[in-house]
Every structure is written in C-alpha cells, then in structure tokens.
Protein backbone atom coordinates (compact mmCIF):
# COMPACT_ATOMS: atom_id res chain seq x y z
CA MET A 1 86.87 89.31 83.53
CA ILE A 2 86.26 86.91 86.40
CA LEU A 3 89.25 85.26 88.09
CA PHE A 4 88.26 81.62 87.73
CA ARG A 5 91.27 79.44 88.56
CA ILE A 6 94.90 79.77 89.61
CA TYR A 7 97.96 77.55 89.48
CA ILE A 8 100.22 77.73 92.55
CA GLU A 9 103.77 76.38 92.76
CA ASP A 10 106.18 76.84 95.67
CA ASN A 11 103.87 79.32 97.41
CA ARG A 12 103.59 81.53 94.33
CA VAL A 13 100.68 81.98 91.95
CA ILE A 14 102.21 81.25 88.53
CA ASN A 15 99.15 81.36 86.27
CA LYS A 16 95.71 83.00 86.48
CA VAL A 17 92.76 81.77 84.43
CA TYR A 18 89.98 84.27 83.68
CA TRP A 19 86.41 83.56 82.63
CA LYS A 20 84.79 85.87 80.11
CA ASN A 21 82.36 88.03 82.05
CA GLN A 22 80.12 89.18 79.21
CA ALA A 23 80.02 89.45 75.43
CA ASP A 24 81.76 92.84 75.36
CA ASP A 25 84.38 92.07 78.03
CA ALA A 26 87.06 94.52 76.89
CA GLY A 27 89.85 93.15 79.09
CA PHE A 28 89.25 89.61 77.90
CA GLN A 29 89.08 90.62 74.23
CA ALA A 30 92.33 92.57 74.58
CA LEU A 31 94.13 89.40 75.66
CA VAL A 32 92.63 87.41 72.78
CA ALA A 33 93.74 90.19 70.41
CA GLN A 34 97.34 89.74 71.57
CA ILE A 35 97.19 86.08 70.57
CA ASN A 36 95.55 86.85 67.23
CA ALA A 37 98.25 89.42 66.44
CA VAL A 38 100.97 86.74 66.68
CA PHE A 39 98.87 83.80 65.46
CA PRO A 40 96.58 85.41 62.86
CA ASN A 41 95.49 82.08 61.36
CA GLU A 42 94.38 80.55 64.62
CA ASN A 43 90.89 79.09 64.18
CA LEU A 44 89.84 77.12 67.25
CA PRO A 45 86.59 75.12 67.33
CA TYR A 46 84.75 77.28 69.85
CA ASP A 47 84.44 80.87 71.01
CA ASN A 48 87.00 81.77 73.64
CA LEU A 49 85.51 81.77 77.13
CA ALA A 50 88.56 81.08 79.33
CA ILE A 51 92.02 82.61 79.01
CA GLY A 52 95.08 82.34 81.23
CA VAL A 53 97.98 84.67 81.94
CA ASN A 54 101.35 83.62 83.32
CA VAL A 55 102.12 85.73 86.38
CA GLY A 56 105.36 87.65 85.86
CA ASP A 57 105.46 86.86 82.14
CA SER A 58 102.64 88.48 80.20
CA ASN A 59 104.12 87.12 76.96
CA VAL A 60 102.67 83.69 77.78
CA LEU A 61 98.90 83.33 77.43
CA THR A 62 96.73 80.22 77.51
CA ILE A 63 93.34 79.40 76.03
CA HIS A 64 91.23 76.60 77.49
CA GLN A 65 88.78 74.78 75.19
CA CYS A 66 87.04 71.44 74.94
CA SER A 67 88.22 68.92 72.41
CA VAL A 68 85.87 67.63 69.69
CA ALA A 69 84.76 64.17 68.55
CA GLN A 70 86.40 62.49 65.58
CA ASP A 71 83.22 62.70 63.50
CA SER A 72 82.51 66.35 64.32
CA ALA A 73 82.68 68.93 61.57
CA LEU A 74 84.70 71.05 63.97
CA ALA A 75 87.50 68.47 64.04
CA ALA A 76 88.91 70.03 60.87
CA ARG A 77 89.83 73.11 62.89
CA LEU A 78 92.21 71.14 65.10
CA GLN A 79 95.75 71.04 63.76
CA ASN A 80 96.63 67.48 64.74
CA ASP A 81 94.88 64.20 65.50
CA LEU A 82 96.37 64.29 69.00
CA LEU A 83 93.92 67.08 69.83
CA ILE A 84 90.83 65.19 68.67
CA ASP A 85 88.53 63.10 70.88
CA LYS A 86 90.16 64.20 74.15
CA ASP A 87 88.53 65.93 77.12
CA PHE A 88 89.90 69.43 76.67
CA ILE A 89 93.01 71.28 75.56
CA ARG A 90 95.08 74.00 77.16
CA TYR A 91 96.68 75.97 74.31
CA ILE A 92 99.86 77.70 75.52
CA TYR A 93 100.99 80.69 73.44
CA ASP A 94 104.52 82.09 73.76
CA LEU A 95 103.98 85.48 72.14
CA GLU A 96 107.61 86.56 72.32
CA ASN A 97 108.91 83.51 70.43
CA ALA A 98 105.73 82.92 68.38
CA THR A 99 105.53 79.28 69.43
CA LYS A 100 102.62 77.25 70.69
CA SER A 101 102.49 74.18 72.92
CA TYR A 102 99.67 72.21 74.45
CA GLU A 103 98.48 70.49 77.58
CA ILE A 104 96.16 67.70 76.44
CA PHE A 105 93.65 66.45 79.01
CA TYR A 106 92.34 62.94 78.46
CA LYS A 107 88.89 61.51 78.96
CA ASN A 108 88.39 58.85 81.63
CA ASN A 109 90.32 55.65 80.91
CA GLN A 110 92.22 57.15 77.95
CA ALA A 111 95.39 57.47 80.07
CA TYR A 112 96.78 56.14 83.33
CA PRO A 113 99.28 57.60 85.82
CA VAL A 114 102.89 56.48 85.58
CA GLN A 115 102.91 55.93 89.36
CA PRO A 116 100.39 54.02 91.50
CA LEU A 117 97.99 56.44 93.19
CA GLY A 118 98.43 57.15 96.91
CA ALA A 119 95.95 55.93 99.53
CA GLY A 120 92.75 57.96 99.85
CA LEU A 121 93.25 59.81 96.54
CA SER A 122 91.21 59.98 93.34
CA ILE A 123 92.17 61.13 89.84
CA TYR A 124 90.52 64.29 88.55
CA ARG A 125 92.39 64.60 85.25
CA ILE A 126 95.48 63.21 83.47
CA SER A 127 97.34 65.30 80.89
CA ASP A 128 100.37 65.25 78.62
CA MET A 129 102.49 68.20 77.55
CA VAL A 130 103.02 68.47 73.79
CA ASP A 131 105.39 70.80 71.92
CA SER A 132 104.74 72.91 68.82
CA ASN A 133 105.48 69.93 66.54
CA PHE A 134 103.00 67.74 68.44
CA ASN A 135 105.70 65.68 70.10
CA LYS A 136 105.05 64.66 73.68
CA THR A 137 107.63 66.33 75.91
CA GLY A 138 107.74 63.52 78.46
CA LEU A 139 105.80 65.33 81.18
CA GLN A 140 102.59 63.80 82.50
CA GLY A 141 100.24 65.75 84.75
CA VAL A 142 98.16 63.78 87.23
CA TYR A 143 95.54 65.99 88.87
CA VAL A 144 94.42 64.38 92.13
CA ARG A 145 91.90 65.08 94.87
CA GLY A 146 91.70 63.95 98.45
CA SER A 147 92.60 65.23 101.89
CA ASN A 148 95.65 67.47 102.10
CA ALA A 149 97.20 64.96 104.52
CA ASP A 150 96.89 62.09 102.02
CA ILE A 151 98.14 64.26 99.15
CA PHE A 152 101.18 65.47 101.08
CA THR A 153 101.92 61.91 102.21
CA TRP A 154 101.90 60.65 98.61
CA ALA A 155 104.18 63.48 97.50
CA GLU A 156 106.65 62.76 100.30
CA THR A 157 106.60 59.05 99.46
CA LEU A 158 107.37 59.73 95.81
CA LYS A 159 110.06 62.33 96.43
CA PRO A 160 111.06 63.12 100.02
CA GLY A 161 111.45 66.83 100.64
CA ILE A 162 109.71 67.96 97.47
CA THR A 163 108.44 71.54 97.60
CA MET A 164 104.67 71.75 98.00
CA PRO A 165 102.52 74.64 96.71
CA ILE A 166 100.95 75.52 100.09
CA THR A 167 101.11 74.28 103.68
CA VAL A 168 99.22 71.14 104.57
CA GLY A 169 96.70 72.65 106.99
CA ARG A 170 94.96 74.98 104.54
CA GLN A 171 91.29 74.60 103.66
CA LEU A 172 90.49 74.07 99.98
CA ASN A 173 87.37 73.83 97.84
CA ASP A 174 86.05 70.42 96.85
CA ASP A 175 86.78 71.14 93.18
CA ASP A 176 90.43 72.09 93.79
CA SER A 177 93.11 69.59 92.81
CA PHE A 178 96.86 69.07 93.04
CA LYS A 179 98.81 68.57 89.82
CA PHE A 180 101.59 66.00 90.21
CA GLU A 181 103.94 66.34 87.24
CA PHE A 182 106.03 63.28 86.34
CA ASN A 183 108.89 62.56 83.99
CA THR A 184 107.31 59.77 81.95
CA ALA A 185 110.67 58.14 81.09
CA THR A 186 111.96 57.86 84.65
CA LYS A 187 108.58 58.03 86.44
CA GLU A 188 110.18 60.61 88.75
CA LEU A 189 108.00 63.26 90.38
CA VAL A 190 109.13 66.64 89.03
CA SER A 191 106.79 69.12 90.73
CA VAL A 192 103.51 69.55 92.60
CA LYS A 193 101.19 72.44 91.82
CA LEU A 194 97.79 73.44 93.19
CA PHE A 195 95.01 74.07 90.67
CA ALA A 196 92.53 76.06 92.72
CA ARG A 197 89.41 78.19 92.60
CA PRO A 198 89.60 81.31 94.80
CA GLU A 199 86.45 82.29 96.67
CA ARG A 200 84.59 85.09 94.89
CA THR A 201 82.49 87.42 97.07
CA MET A 202 80.69 90.69 96.36
CA VAL A 203 81.41 93.19 99.14
CA TRP A 204 80.63 96.81 99.89
CA ASN A 205 83.60 99.14 99.76
CA SER A 206 84.71 100.57 103.08
CA ALA A 207 82.85 103.82 102.36
CA GLY A 208 79.61 101.91 101.86
CA THR A 209 78.94 103.57 98.51
CA ASP A 210 79.49 100.75 96.01
CA THR A 211 80.11 97.01 95.64
CA TYR A 212 82.93 95.08 94.01
CA ILE A 213 84.30 91.53 93.88
CA GLU A 214 87.05 90.28 96.17
CA TYR A 215 88.95 87.02 95.74
CA THR A 216 90.04 85.23 98.90
CA ALA A 217 91.58 81.90 99.93
CA ASP A 218 92.54 80.23 103.19
CA TYR A 219 96.11 79.87 101.86
CA PHE A 220 96.45 83.67 101.48
CA GLU A 221 99.20 83.84 104.10
CA ASP A 222 101.19 81.14 102.29
CA LEU A 223 101.41 83.16 99.09
CA ALA A 224 104.56 85.12 98.30
CA ASN A 225 102.72 87.17 95.65
CA PRO A 226 99.09 87.68 96.77
CA GLU A 227 98.83 91.12 95.13
CA GLU A 228 99.86 89.74 91.73
CA ALA A 229 97.36 86.95 92.31
CA GLU A 230 94.57 89.45 93.14
CA ILE A 231 93.87 87.55 96.36
CA VAL A 232 93.21 89.29 99.67
CA LYS A 233 92.73 88.11 103.23
CA ALA A 234 89.05 87.65 104.00
CA LYS A 235 87.72 89.99 106.69
CA TYR A 236 84.51 89.65 108.70
CA ASP A 237 82.47 91.84 111.01
CA ASN A 238 81.53 90.88 114.56
CA HIS A 239 78.68 88.71 113.29
CA GLY A 240 80.67 86.71 110.74
CA ASN A 241 79.53 88.71 107.71
CA ARG A 242 82.08 89.44 104.98
CA VAL A 243 83.28 93.02 104.75
CA ALA A 244 85.79 94.65 102.43
CA SER A 245 89.39 93.67 103.13
CA ASP A 246 90.39 97.31 103.70
CA THR A 247 87.70 97.85 106.34
CA ALA A 248 88.88 98.69 109.84
CA ILE A 249 86.69 96.47 112.00
CA GLU A 250 86.96 98.85 114.94
CA ASP A 251 85.40 101.59 112.83
CA ILE A 252 82.24 99.63 112.03
CA LYS A 253 79.42 101.49 113.75
CA GLU A 254 76.93 98.91 114.97
CA TYR A 255 73.95 100.11 116.96
CA ILE A 256 71.17 98.54 118.97
CA MET A 257 67.96 99.99 120.44
CA VAL A 258 67.84 99.59 124.22
CA PRO A 259 65.28 100.73 126.85
CA LYS A 260 66.02 104.23 128.10
CA GLU A 261 66.62 104.27 131.83
CA GLY A 262 63.73 105.70 133.83
CA GLU A 263 61.45 106.16 130.80
CA ASP A 264 59.03 103.29 130.37
CA GLY A 265 58.46 102.31 126.72
CA VAL A 266 61.16 104.67 125.46
CA PHE A 267 64.19 103.33 123.57
CA GLU A 268 67.45 104.91 122.58
CA LYS A 269 70.13 103.97 120.04
CA ARG A 270 73.43 102.84 121.58
CA LYS A 271 76.66 101.60 120.07
CA LEU A 272 76.78 97.83 120.31
CA SER A 273 80.38 98.05 121.51
CA GLU A 274 79.19 100.03 124.56
CA ILE A 275 76.58 97.50 125.68
C-alpha cells in the first residue's frame, strides 16, 4: 500500500488514506476484507483503490470512491439519491458498531460555504456529513487552499484561539488543503484539519543494500504521533541528496581524487571531509 493522504487535527494524524499499490496488494485487500466481513452486501460502483484507517481506532475504515451520474447503470448500486451525481463519496465504516456514515463531496456550484471565504483563499471542495439513515448531521466541510498566513487569519477571524492542525510557518504541497468544519445551523467553526499529501521518496537503506519508501513532511516536528503516521524527518547528505532517515551523516564516506604531492600526474583518493 502507498500512503497517499493524511488528515491532521491538533498536531496529530487522525486518519491515513492508502492507495492500492498493485492488483495483489495483500495489505490493502486485508482491510477491504474487514469491511466485507461486517457489511457482506456492500456493492459499490467501482473497484476499491483508496482506503483509509483511523489512527488509534482500527475499527473505523473509510473507502473513497467517485459518485456516478443519474443516468448511469451504476447508479443502482448507490443506496440513496443523496449519493448520486456528486463529485465523490467518503464511506465511513464503524466495524465495531456495524454502522456506516458518509462524507459527500459536491461538484462545483452544487454547494456553497456557510461563511464568506477569507481573503486570498479558494475553495477546493465542499462536503456534508451524512449518517447511516442518510440524514445530514449538520456538519459542513469547506476545504480551502491559499497561503498558510491567509488560512490562519481566516480561522482566527471566525473563532479566535481555535486550535490549528500545524504551525503557520510550515511548507505544504500545492494540492494540500485545510478542512474548515462548520455547524450548519449556527454557522460556527467547529474544527480545522489539514488534508495533506506526505512526500514520498525512494531511499537506500543505511547499509546501502536495498531501497525502500520514506514519507516525510515539513511539519514533522509539529506532529505528536509521527511514528503512527509513518512520517519521518527528511535527512540529506552534504550535497542535498536524500538519504535514509536513520543514516548518520558523519558516517557517510565521501571521497575525491586529488593530485598526489610530488608525483606529477598521479592521483590519490582522499576523504572529502579531510580536504
């Protein structure tokens, strides 16, 4: 499985979304099997390619799929008209209580935020939370993009002192967004989460015998649970090249060929640190 996205709230990763790595991805299929065991009649429109796990509560799993058009033959697989002709759906499975809820993401211009957008910000997605009986729960998610400064300013304007997911000075990817969750009845801001894509880099292990994938993020030091999140602090050699996070930089043996003193045209290998 490939760690694709994470949700962060109050400096903790609360949900990890994995992308199916290949057709026979055993780890991915094992998670899907847990859902099928509790919901044996589940018949979603598409093959499962993305699945989420709540950090600290493995009994809650999520499947992410696109919605379908009203006139699609696949629409019959959706259990309620609320799920049809939207952008995509986040199916949330509570395995312990055998209940299912939904986060419904709308297409452009199908929904509007309950609060005017802050200066310098743009809307990435708008969503509603829906319970197992397809009743809206009164929570609207407004996923926004913009500079961290503008996002933090809007949050402070809406609810002074609200807890933010990371510190303001962290560098993010262009496709990251902040989820502002509102009570639709009172229009009050309830929470702010970060929906982010960790950097994925193939590195050599410290022994130099094999490669593996590391996930990193500039907000690593903000996280209270980086190990649960599978995120490490990026490490670089003296030339700015990524190396494994467990590599001791001082042990990297870098050499250079230099002219040997007193022997014209003869070179010798020297440690770069000694030059």
